[in-house]
Amino acid sequence: MDDPLYTATTTPSTGKKSRLRLGGGGGGGGGTAKYGKKMEEGLVKTKEVAVTGMKKIKAGASVGFGWVKDKYHKTTQKR
């Protein structure tokens, strides 16, 4: 029987085969809540970093467009 939740093992001293259950030991799912909270904290940090990056990009783009506008204005004034 191939059950993904169990694995066959052999005890070295007796040579008997037994089956061990893989996975958690029925701890009530407390780890899932802890994992979810850590994921949420990570997503909040990611969002903060993304917002900061977008602010920097927006500021840089504004400066860049201002520079292009000044250059264009200077070249058209030479006539």
PDB file of N, CA and C in Angstrom:
ATOM      1  N   MET A   1       0.841  -1.170   0.000  1.00  0.00           N
ATOM      2  CA  MET A   1       0.000   0.000   0.000  1.00  0.00           C
ATOM      3  C   MET A   1       0.891   1.240   0.000  1.00  0.00           C
ATOM      4  N   ASP A   2       0.749   2.107  -0.987  1.00  0.00           N
ATOM      5  CA  ASP A   2       1.525   3.335  -1.073  1.00  0.00           C
ATOM      6  C   ASP A   2       0.699   4.503  -0.559  1.00  0.00           C
ATOM      7  N   ASP A   3       0.856   4.819   0.688  1.00  0.00           N
ATOM      8  CA  ASP A   3       0.136   5.934   1.294  1.00  0.00           C
ATOM      9  C   ASP A   3       1.149   7.051   1.527  1.00  0.00           C
ATOM     10  N   PRO A   4       0.910   8.266   0.967  1.00  0.00           N
ATOM     11  CA  PRO A   4       1.883   9.342   1.102  1.00  0.00           C
ATOM     12  C   PRO A   4       2.066   9.834   2.533  1.00  0.00           C
ATOM     13  N   LEU A   5       1.118   9.502   3.441  1.00  0.00           N
ATOM     14  CA  LEU A   5       1.249   9.950   4.825  1.00  0.00           C
ATOM     15  C   LEU A   5       2.086   9.004   5.670  1.00  0.00           C
ATOM     16  N   TYR A   6       2.391   7.832   5.146  1.00  0.00           N
ATOM     17  CA  TYR A   6       3.144   6.849   5.912  1.00  0.00           C
ATOM     18  C   TYR A   6       4.410   6.448   5.163  1.00  0.00           C
ATOM     19  N   THR A   7       5.411   6.052   5.928  1.00  0.00           N
ATOM     20  CA  THR A   7       6.628   5.531   5.326  1.00  0.00           C
ATOM     21  C   THR A   7       7.017   4.243   6.051  1.00  0.00           C
ATOM     22  N   ALA A   8       7.553   3.286   5.328  1.00  0.00           N
ATOM     23  CA  ALA A   8       7.960   2.016   5.920  1.00  0.00           C
ATOM     24  C   ALA A   8       9.374   2.138   6.458  1.00  0.00           C
ATOM     25  N   THR A   9       9.585   1.655   7.663  1.00  0.00           N
ATOM     26  CA  THR A   9      10.921   1.665   8.266  1.00  0.00           C
ATOM     27  C   THR A   9      11.222   0.280   8.822  1.00  0.00           C
ATOM     28  N   THR A  10      12.480  -0.006   9.002  1.00  0.00           N
ATOM     29  CA  THR A  10      12.900  -1.277   9.580  1.00  0.00           C
ATOM     30  C   THR A  10      13.726  -0.985  10.826  1.00  0.00           C
ATOM     31  N   THR A  11      13.361  -1.599  11.933  1.00  0.00           N
ATOM     32  CA  THR A  11      14.114  -1.430  13.174  1.00  0.00           C
ATOM     33  C   THR A  11      15.375  -2.282  13.085  1.00  0.00           C
ATOM     34  N   PRO A  12      16.571  -1.673  13.234  1.00  0.00           N
ATOM     35  CA  PRO A  12      17.820  -2.431  13.067  1.00  0.00           C
ATOM     36  C   PRO A  12      17.984  -3.579  14.061  1.00  0.00           C
ATOM     37  N   SER A  13      17.585  -3.413  15.322  1.00  0.00           N
ATOM     38  CA  SER A  13      17.827  -4.454  16.325  1.00  0.00           C
ATOM     39  C   SER A  13      16.935  -5.670  16.148  1.00  0.00           C
ATOM     40  N   THR A  14      15.676  -5.456  15.760  1.00  0.00           N
ATOM     41  CA  THR A  14      14.752  -6.590  15.653  1.00  0.00           C
ATOM     42  C   THR A  14      14.503  -7.024  14.218  1.00  0.00           C
ATOM     43  N   GLY A  15      14.734  -6.145  13.269  1.00  0.00           N
ATOM     44  CA  GLY A  15      14.482  -6.470  11.877  1.00  0.00           C
ATOM     45  C   GLY A  15      13.018  -6.380  11.497  1.00  0.00           C
ATOM     46  N   LYS A  16      12.167  -5.925  12.445  1.00  0.00           N
ATOM     47  CA  LYS A  16      10.740  -5.809  12.154  1.00  0.00           C
ATOM     48  C   LYS A  16      10.475  -4.552  11.336  1.00  0.00           C
ATOM     49  N   LYS A  17       9.493  -4.677  10.458  1.00  0.00           N
ATOM     50  CA  LYS A  17       9.079  -3.519   9.670  1.00  0.00           C
ATOM     51  C   LYS A  17       7.917  -2.836  10.386  1.00  0.00           C
ATOM     52  N   SER A  18       7.941  -1.512  10.333  1.00  0.00           N
ATOM     53  CA  SER A  18       6.841  -0.750  10.902  1.00  0.00           C
ATOM     54  C   SER A  18       6.560   0.446  10.012  1.00  0.00           C
ATOM     55  N   ARG A  19       5.454   1.092  10.276  1.00  0.00           N
ATOM     56  CA  ARG A  19       5.105   2.266   9.488  1.00  0.00           C
ATOM     57  C   ARG A  19       5.085   3.494  10.391  1.00  0.00           C
ATOM     58  N   LEU A  20       5.721   4.544   9.919  1.00  0.00           N
ATOM     59  CA  LEU A  20       5.726   5.808  10.640  1.00  0.00           C
ATOM     60  C   LEU A  20       4.857   6.814   9.903  1.00  0.00           C
ATOM     61  N   ARG A  21       4.117   7.590  10.671  1.00  0.00           N
ATOM     62  CA  ARG A  21       3.285   8.634  10.062  1.00  0.00           C
ATOM     63  C   ARG A  21       4.153   9.862   9.841  1.00  0.00           C
ATOM     64  N   LEU A  22       4.100  10.400   8.608  1.00  0.00           N
ATOM     65  CA  LEU A  22       4.849  11.596   8.278  1.00  0.00           C
ATOM     66  C   LEU A  22       4.028  12.830   8.621  1.00  0.00           C
ATOM     67  N   GLY A  23       4.699  13.933   8.824  1.00  0.00           N
ATOM     68  CA  GLY A  23       3.999  15.196   9.065  1.00  0.00           C
ATOM     69  C   GLY A  23       3.904  15.495  10.541  1.00  0.00           C
ATOM     70  N   GLY A  24       3.080  16.491  10.851  1.00  0.00           N
ATOM     71  CA  GLY A  24       2.932  16.956  12.227  1.00  0.00           C
ATOM     72  C   GLY A  24       2.225  15.943  13.092  1.00  0.00           C
ATOM     73  N   GLY A  25       2.364  16.113  14.389  1.00  0.00           N
ATOM     74  CA  GLY A  25       1.794  15.185  15.341  1.00  0.00           C
ATOM     75  C   GLY A  25       0.463  15.633  15.892  1.00  0.00           C
ATOM     76  N   GLY A  26      -0.325  16.382  15.169  1.00  0.00           N
ATOM     77  CA  GLY A  26      -1.638  16.778  15.655  1.00  0.00           C
ATOM     78  C   GLY A  26      -1.561  17.860  16.699  1.00  0.00           C
ATOM     79  N   GLY A  27      -0.754  18.854  16.478  1.00  0.00           N
ATOM     80  CA  GLY A  27      -0.558  19.922  17.449  1.00  0.00           C
ATOM     81  C   GLY A  27      -1.673  20.941  17.477  1.00  0.00           C
ATOM     82  N   GLY A  28      -2.736  20.767  16.746  1.00  0.00           N
ATOM     83  CA  GLY A  28      -3.861  21.676  16.819  1.00  0.00           C
ATOM     84  C   GLY A  28      -3.807  22.828  15.824  1.00  0.00           C
ATOM     85  N   GLY A  29      -2.819  22.883  14.942  1.00  0.00           N
ATOM     86  CA  GLY A  29      -2.777  23.924  13.926  1.00  0.00           C
ATOM     87  C   GLY A  29      -2.229  25.250  14.411  1.00  0.00           C
ATOM     88  N   GLY A  30      -1.603  25.300  15.566  1.00  0.00           N
ATOM     89  CA  GLY A  30      -1.034  26.546  16.074  1.00  0.00           C
ATOM     90  C   GLY A  30       0.068  27.082  15.184  1.00  0.00           C
ATOM     91  N   GLY A  31       0.774  26.193  14.501  1.00  0.00           N
ATOM     92  CA  GLY A  31       1.845  26.615  13.608  1.00  0.00           C
ATOM     93  C   GLY A  31       1.322  27.360  12.401  1.00  0.00           C
ATOM     94  N   THR A  32       0.122  27.006  11.968  1.00  0.00           N
ATOM     95  CA  THR A  32      -0.472  27.655  10.806  1.00  0.00           C
ATOM     96  C   THR A  32      -0.778  29.117  11.106  1.00  0.00           C
ATOM     97  N   ALA A  33      -1.302  29.394  12.271  1.00  0.00           N
ATOM     98  CA  ALA A  33      -1.610  30.771  12.657  1.00  0.00           C
ATOM     99  C   ALA A  33      -0.333  31.591  12.776  1.00  0.00           C
ATOM    100  N   LYS A  34       0.688  30.972  13.348  1.00  0.00           N
ATOM    101  CA  LYS A  34       1.973  31.658  13.499  1.00  0.00           C
ATOM    102  C   LYS A  34       2.579  31.962  12.133  1.00  0.00           C
ATOM    103  N   TYR A  35       2.476  31.008  11.225  1.00  0.00           N
ATOM    104  CA  TYR A  35       2.987  31.193   9.863  1.00  0.00           C
ATOM    105  C   TYR A  35       2.223  32.306   9.157  1.00  0.00           C
ATOM    106  N   GLY A  36       0.907  32.319   9.294  1.00  0.00           N
ATOM    107  CA  GLY A  36       0.085  33.347   8.672  1.00  0.00           C
ATOM    108  C   GLY A  36       0.436  34.734   9.178  1.00  0.00           C
ATOM    109  N   LYS A  37       0.692  34.843  10.472  1.00  0.00           N
ATOM    110  CA  LYS A  37       1.051  36.140  11.051  1.00  0.00           C
ATOM    111  C   LYS A  37       2.402  36.610  10.510  1.00  0.00           C
ATOM    112  N   LYS A  38       3.362  35.697  10.405  1.00  0.00           N
ATOM    113  CA  LYS A  38       4.668  36.059   9.862  1.00  0.00           C
ATOM    114  C   LYS A  38       4.554  36.462   8.398  1.00  0.00           C
ATOM    115  N   MET A  39       3.713  35.768   7.641  1.00  0.00           N
ATOM    116  CA  MET A  39       3.499  36.119   6.236  1.00  0.00           C
ATOM    117  C   MET A  39       2.907  37.517   6.127  1.00  0.00           C
ATOM    118  N   GLU A  40       1.938  37.808   6.996  1.00  0.00           N
ATOM    119  CA  GLU A  40       1.298  39.123   6.972  1.00  0.00           C
ATOM    120  C   GLU A  40       2.305  40.222   7.293  1.00  0.00           C
ATOM    121  N   GLU A  41       3.154  39.984   8.300  1.00  0.00           N
ATOM    122  CA  GLU A  41       4.192  40.961   8.657  1.00  0.00           C
ATOM    123  C   GLU A  41       5.152  41.163   7.489  1.00  0.00           C
ATOM    124  N   GLY A  42       5.506  40.079   6.824  1.00  0.00           N
ATOM    125  CA  GLY A  42       6.406  40.169   5.675  1.00  0.00           C
ATOM    126  C   GLY A  42       5.790  40.949   4.531  1.00  0.00           C
ATOM    127  N   LEU A  43       4.495  40.745   4.306  1.00  0.00           N
ATOM    128  CA  LEU A  43       3.815  41.464   3.228  1.00  0.00           C
ATOM    129  C   LEU A  43       3.703  42.953   3.545  1.00  0.00           C
ATOM    130  N   VAL A  44       3.506  43.281   4.825  1.00  0.00           N
ATOM    131  CA  VAL A  44       3.442  44.698   5.217  1.00  0.00           C
ATOM    132  C   VAL A  44       4.783  45.357   4.943  1.00  0.00           C
ATOM    133  N   LYS A  45       5.872  44.676   5.300  1.00  0.00           N
ATOM    134  CA  LYS A  45       7.213  45.223   5.048  1.00  0.00           C
ATOM    135  C   LYS A  45       7.457  45.370   3.547  1.00  0.00           C
ATOM    136  N   THR A  46       7.042  44.377   2.784  1.00  0.00           N
ATOM    137  CA  THR A  46       7.220  44.425   1.334  1.00  0.00           C
ATOM    138  C   THR A  46       6.462  45.605   0.739  1.00  0.00           C
ATOM    139  N   LYS A  47       5.252  45.822   1.230  1.00  0.00           N
ATOM    140  CA  LYS A  47       4.438  46.926   0.729  1.00  0.00           C
ATOM    141  C   LYS A  47       5.109  48.260   1.058  1.00  0.00           C
ATOM    142  N   GLU A  48       5.646  48.392   2.276  1.00  0.00           N
ATOM    143  CA  GLU A  48       6.324  49.627   2.668  1.00  0.00           C
ATOM    144  C   GLU A  48       7.525  49.904   1.763  1.00  0.00           C
ATOM    145  N   VAL A  49       8.295  48.876   1.483  1.00  0.00           N
ATOM    146  CA  VAL A  49       9.473  49.027   0.620  1.00  0.00           C
ATOM    147  C   VAL A  49       9.045  49.407  -0.798  1.00  0.00           C
ATOM    148  N   ALA A  50       7.976  48.779  -1.280  1.00  0.00           N
ATOM    149  CA  ALA A  50       7.491  49.085  -2.631  1.00  0.00           C
ATOM    150  C   ALA A  50       7.008  50.531  -2.719  1.00  0.00           C
ATOM    151  N   VAL A  51       6.299  51.004  -1.696  1.00  0.00           N
ATOM    152  CA  VAL A  51       5.805  52.385  -1.694  1.00  0.00           C
ATOM    153  C   VAL A  51       6.976  53.360  -1.673  1.00  0.00           C
ATOM    154  N   THR A  52       7.976  53.073  -0.839  1.00  0.00           N
ATOM    155  CA  THR A  52       9.158  53.939  -0.780  1.00  0.00           C
ATOM    156  C   THR A  52       9.864  53.972  -2.128  1.00  0.00           C
ATOM    157  N   GLY A  53      10.008  52.815  -2.762  1.00  0.00           N
ATOM    158  CA  GLY A  53      10.647  52.746  -4.077  1.00  0.00           C
ATOM    159  C   GLY A  53       9.878  53.530  -5.122  1.00  0.00           C
ATOM    160  N   MET A  54       8.565  53.430  -5.095  1.00  0.00           N
ATOM    161  CA  MET A  54       7.757  54.170  -6.070  1.00  0.00           C
ATOM    162  C   MET A  54       7.878  55.674  -5.863  1.00  0.00           C
ATOM    163  N   LYS A  55       7.972  56.111  -4.611  1.00  0.00           N
ATOM    164  CA  LYS A  55       8.156  57.541  -4.334  1.00  0.00           C
ATOM    165  C   LYS A  55       9.488  58.024  -4.902  1.00  0.00           C
ATOM    166  N   LYS A  56      10.523  57.206  -4.752  1.00  0.00           N
ATOM    167  CA  LYS A  56      11.841  57.567  -5.284  1.00  0.00           C
ATOM    168  C   LYS A  56      11.812  57.622  -6.814  1.00  0.00           C
ATOM    169  N   ILE A  57      11.129  56.659  -7.423  1.00  0.00           N
ATOM    170  CA  ILE A  57      11.033  56.637  -8.888  1.00  0.00           C
ATOM    171  C   ILE A  57      10.272  57.862  -9.379  1.00  0.00           C
ATOM    172  N   LYS A  58       9.186  58.186  -8.692  1.00  0.00           N
ATOM    173  CA  LYS A  58       8.382  59.339  -9.093  1.00  0.00           C
ATOM    174  C   LYS A  58       9.198  60.628  -8.982  1.00  0.00           C
ATOM    175  N   ALA A  59       9.947  60.769  -7.881  1.00  0.00           N
ATOM    176  CA  ALA A  59      10.779  61.969  -7.695  1.00  0.00           C
ATOM    177  C   ALA A  59      11.869  62.033  -8.764  1.00  0.00           C
ATOM    178  N   GLY A  60      12.498  60.907  -9.058  1.00  0.00           N
ATOM    179  CA  GLY A  60      13.544  60.867 -10.076  1.00  0.00           C
ATOM    180  C   GLY A  60      13.007  61.181 -11.456  1.00  0.00           C
ATOM    181  N   ALA A  61      11.830  60.670 -11.753  1.00  0.00           N
ATOM    182  CA  ALA A  61      11.214  60.940 -13.058  1.00  0.00           C
ATOM    183  C   ALA A  61      10.876  62.425 -13.188  1.00  0.00           C
ATOM    184  N   SER A  62      10.397  63.012 -12.120  1.00  0.00           N
ATOM    185  CA  SER A  62      10.065  64.444 -12.149  1.00  0.00           C
ATOM    186  C   SER A  62      11.307  65.285 -12.421  1.00  0.00           C
ATOM    187  N   VAL A  63      12.388  64.949 -11.752  1.00  0.00           N
ATOM    188  CA  VAL A  63      13.647  65.666 -11.968  1.00  0.00           C
ATOM    189  C   VAL A  63      14.122  65.457 -13.401  1.00  0.00           C
ATOM    190  N   GLY A  64      14.023  64.235 -13.902  1.00  0.00           N
ATOM    191  CA  GLY A  64      14.447  63.928 -15.272  1.00  0.00           C
ATOM    192  C   GLY A  64      13.647  64.688 -16.311  1.00  0.00           C
ATOM    193  N   PHE A  65      12.338  64.730 -16.144  1.00  0.00           N
ATOM    194  CA  PHE A  65      11.499  65.476 -17.091  1.00  0.00           C
ATOM    195  C   PHE A  65      11.780  66.970 -17.017  1.00  0.00           C
ATOM    196  N   GLY A  66      12.025  67.452 -15.803  1.00  0.00           N
ATOM    197  CA  GLY A  66      12.390  68.872 -15.649  1.00  0.00           C
ATOM    198  C   GLY A  66      13.679  69.192 -16.391  1.00  0.00           C
ATOM    199  N   TRP A  67      14.641  68.290 -16.318  1.00  0.00           N
ATOM    200  CA  TRP A  67      15.927  68.483 -16.994  1.00  0.00           C
ATOM    201  C   TRP A  67      15.720  68.513 -18.513  1.00  0.00           C
ATOM    202  N   VAL A  68      14.932  67.560 -19.017  1.00  0.00           N
ATOM    203  CA  VAL A  68      14.662  67.517 -20.457  1.00  0.00           C
ATOM    204  C   VAL A  68      13.943  68.793 -20.891  1.00  0.00           C
ATOM    205  N   LYS A  69      12.988  69.229 -20.111  1.00  0.00           N
ATOM    206  CA  LYS A  69      12.236  70.441 -20.432  1.00  0.00           C
ATOM    207  C   LYS A  69      13.171  71.653 -20.484  1.00  0.00           C
ATOM    208  N   ASP A  70      14.081  71.756 -19.515  1.00  0.00           N
ATOM    209  CA  ASP A  70      15.052  72.864 -19.504  1.00  0.00           C
ATOM    210  C   ASP A  70      15.967  72.798 -20.726  1.00  0.00           C
ATOM    211  N   LYS A  71      16.439  71.607 -21.065  1.00  0.00           N
ATOM    212  CA  LYS A  71      17.313  71.454 -22.241  1.00  0.00           C
ATOM    213  C   LYS A  71      16.576  71.858 -23.512  1.00  0.00           C
ATOM    214  N   TYR A  72      15.351  71.415 -23.647  1.00  0.00           N
ATOM    215  CA  TYR A  72      14.570  71.759 -24.834  1.00  0.00           C
ATOM    216  C   TYR A  72      14.329  73.266 -24.886  1.00  0.00           C
ATOM    217  N   HIS A  73      14.011  73.839 -23.760  1.00  0.00           N
ATOM    218  CA  HIS A  73      13.755  75.275 -23.695  1.00  0.00           C
ATOM    219  C   HIS A  73      15.016  76.076 -24.104  1.00  0.00           C
ATOM    220  N   LYS A  74      16.173  75.625 -23.628  1.00  0.00           N
ATOM    221  CA  LYS A  74      17.431  76.303 -23.973  1.00  0.00           C
ATOM    222  C   LYS A  74      17.734  76.193 -25.457  1.00  0.00           C
ATOM    223  N   THR A  75      17.460  75.041 -26.063  1.00  0.00           N
ATOM    224  CA  THR A  75      17.772  74.886 -27.493  1.00  0.00           C
ATOM    225  C   THR A  75      16.817  75.692 -28.349  1.00  0.00           C
ATOM    226  N   THR A  76      15.595  75.864 -27.925  1.00  0.00           N
ATOM    227  CA  THR A  76      14.641  76.638 -28.730  1.00  0.00           C
ATOM    228  C   THR A  76      14.818  78.143 -28.541  1.00  0.00           C
ATOM    229  N   GLN A  77      15.488  78.537 -27.506  1.00  0.00           N
ATOM    230  CA  GLN A  77      15.712  79.972 -27.255  1.00  0.00           C
ATOM    231  C   GLN A  77      16.844  80.530 -28.080  1.00  0.00           C
ATOM    232  N   LYS A  78      17.692  79.683 -28.638  1.00  0.00           N
ATOM    233  CA  LYS A  78      18.890  80.145 -29.369  1.00  0.00           C
ATOM    234  C   LYS A  78      18.557  80.767 -30.707  1.00  0.00           C
ATOM    235  N   ARG A  79      17.392  80.690 -31.201  1.00  0.00           N
ATOM    236  CA  ARG A  79      17.012  81.193 -32.525  1.00  0.00           C
ATOM    237  C   ARG A  79      17.078  82.635 -32.576  1.00  0.00           C
TER     238      ARG A  79
END
